[in-house]
Amino acid sequence: MSGFPIAKNIEDCPPEAHHNRVYKKGMSYTYGLHVQGIPETNPWVYYEGDRRVFTEAPVAQQKIAPTPAWVIADLMLSKHRGQPLTEYEEALISQPFESPGLVWLKACLEGFKEQADV
């Protein structure tokens, strides 16, 4: 299942859609995670208002924003101070950076580490 489910015309649905469906009054544009009474497997939700059927369960549409540069910088400084980081935090600071500030900070911290190792 990719993206948000699409409503189909009742005429375009296979015969099994007519036996196992949940009836809803109203229009199909109201379909979503908030709708109650939708089976998790094989949902057939029929909307009487526009005679449309959904044959997929609703999915959460989530926009994942990138981690702010200041959070990554704080994690880099924490690691430099010797504080333990989680696997996820380690993954965040080991990725390539687009932010010029983070690129600069990483280079500075690596320079400090090299000087301390000498």
Protein backbone atom coordinates (compact mmCIF):
# COMPACT_ATOMS: atom_id res chain seq x y z
CA MET A 1 0.00 0.00 0.00
CA SER A 2 1.57 3.27 -1.03
CA GLY A 3 0.25 6.68 -0.13
CA PHE A 4 -3.32 7.48 0.85
CA PRO A 5 -5.99 4.97 -0.21
CA ILE A 6 -8.17 5.99 -3.16
CA ALA A 7 -11.94 5.63 -3.26
CA LYS A 8 -13.40 3.55 -6.06
CA ASN A 9 -16.80 3.71 -7.68
CA ILE A 10 -19.06 0.96 -6.38
CA GLU A 11 -19.53 -0.29 -9.94
CA ASP A 12 -15.75 -0.85 -10.26
CA CYS A 13 -15.51 -3.08 -7.20
CA PRO A 14 -15.39 -6.88 -7.34
CA PRO A 15 -18.36 -8.90 -6.05
CA GLU A 16 -16.80 -9.52 -2.62
CA ALA A 17 -17.03 -5.78 -1.97
CA HIS A 18 -20.80 -6.09 -1.86
CA HIS A 19 -20.84 -8.73 0.90
CA ASN A 20 -18.31 -7.48 3.46
CA ARG A 21 -18.71 -3.77 3.59
CA VAL A 22 -19.17 -1.25 6.34
CA TYR A 23 -21.85 1.30 5.50
CA LYS A 24 -21.25 4.96 6.26
CA LYS A 25 -23.61 7.84 5.64
CA GLY A 26 -22.01 10.88 4.12
CA MET A 27 -19.27 11.43 1.60
CA SER A 28 -16.07 9.49 0.97
CA TYR A 29 -13.82 12.54 1.48
CA THR A 30 -14.42 12.11 5.23
CA TYR A 31 -12.53 8.78 5.27
CA GLY A 32 -9.44 8.68 7.46
CA LEU A 33 -7.83 7.43 10.66
CA HIS A 34 -10.54 9.07 12.77
CA VAL A 35 -13.31 6.90 11.27
CA GLN A 36 -14.40 4.18 13.68
CA GLY A 37 -15.57 0.68 12.84
CA ILE A 38 -13.16 0.00 9.99
CA PRO A 39 -11.74 -3.53 9.98
CA GLU A 40 -7.94 -3.61 9.93
CA THR A 41 -7.78 -6.34 7.30
CA ASN A 42 -9.77 -6.29 4.06
CA PRO A 43 -11.77 -3.14 4.76
CA TRP A 44 -14.62 -2.39 2.37
CA VAL A 45 -16.09 0.92 3.48
CA TYR A 46 -19.04 2.11 1.41
CA TYR A 47 -20.13 5.75 1.53
CA GLU A 48 -23.79 6.21 0.61
CA GLY A 49 -23.44 9.93 -0.14
CA ASP A 50 -21.31 9.53 -3.26
CA ARG A 51 -21.49 5.72 -3.71
CA ARG A 52 -17.73 5.28 -3.32
CA VAL A 53 -15.83 2.43 -1.67
CA PHE A 54 -12.47 2.31 0.09
CA THR A 55 -10.68 -1.03 -0.10
CA GLU A 56 -7.56 -0.10 1.87
CA ALA A 57 -7.15 0.86 5.49
CA PRO A 58 -6.38 4.53 6.11
CA VAL A 59 -2.72 5.35 6.62
CA ALA A 60 -1.14 8.09 8.65
CA GLN A 61 0.32 10.82 6.50
CA GLN A 62 3.37 12.00 8.32
CA LYS A 63 5.87 14.59 7.28
CA ILE A 64 9.18 14.01 8.95
CA ALA A 65 11.15 17.20 9.23
CA PRO A 66 14.93 17.02 9.20
CA THR A 67 16.66 17.28 12.55
CA PRO A 68 17.52 20.94 13.23
CA ALA A 69 21.21 21.80 12.86
CA TRP A 70 21.42 23.09 16.44
CA VAL A 71 20.35 19.66 17.77
CA ILE A 72 23.02 17.91 15.70
CA ALA A 73 25.62 20.49 16.79
CA ASP A 74 24.68 19.90 20.44
CA LEU A 75 25.08 16.14 19.95
CA MET A 76 28.47 16.63 18.29
CA LEU A 77 29.63 18.78 21.22
CA SER A 78 28.28 16.21 23.71
CA LYS A 79 30.26 13.44 22.03
CA HIS A 80 33.36 15.65 21.98
CA ARG A 81 32.98 16.12 25.76
CA GLY A 82 32.83 12.34 26.17
CA GLN A 83 29.14 12.03 26.95
CA PRO A 84 27.53 8.77 25.75
CA LEU A 85 25.14 8.92 22.79
CA THR A 86 22.43 6.51 21.70
CA GLU A 87 22.71 4.60 18.40
CA TYR A 88 20.21 6.99 16.83
CA GLU A 89 22.18 10.04 17.97
CA GLU A 90 25.40 8.48 16.65
CA ALA A 91 23.68 7.94 13.29
CA LEU A 92 22.56 11.58 13.23
CA ILE A 93 26.05 12.96 13.73
CA SER A 94 27.76 10.52 11.36
CA GLN A 95 25.67 11.44 8.30
CA PRO A 96 26.92 13.89 5.64
CA PHE A 97 25.83 17.45 6.41
CA GLU A 98 24.44 20.09 4.07
CA SER A 99 24.69 22.85 6.65
CA PRO A 100 27.95 24.80 6.27
CA GLY A 101 27.93 25.40 10.03
CA LEU A 102 27.81 21.68 10.80
CA VAL A 103 30.55 20.95 8.26
CA TRP A 104 32.72 23.61 9.94
CA LEU A 105 31.97 22.33 13.46
CA LYS A 106 32.77 18.74 12.47
CA ALA A 107 36.11 19.84 10.97
CA CYS A 108 36.95 21.86 14.09
CA LEU A 109 36.13 19.00 16.46
CA GLU A 110 38.15 16.56 14.37
CA GLY A 111 41.06 19.05 14.42
CA PHE A 112 40.83 19.29 18.22
CA LYS A 113 40.79 15.51 18.48
CA GLU A 114 43.89 15.21 16.27
CA GLN A 115 45.75 17.78 18.41
CA ALA A 116 44.79 15.94 21.59
CA ASP A 117 46.03 12.63 20.16
CA VAL A 118 49.48 14.07 19.41
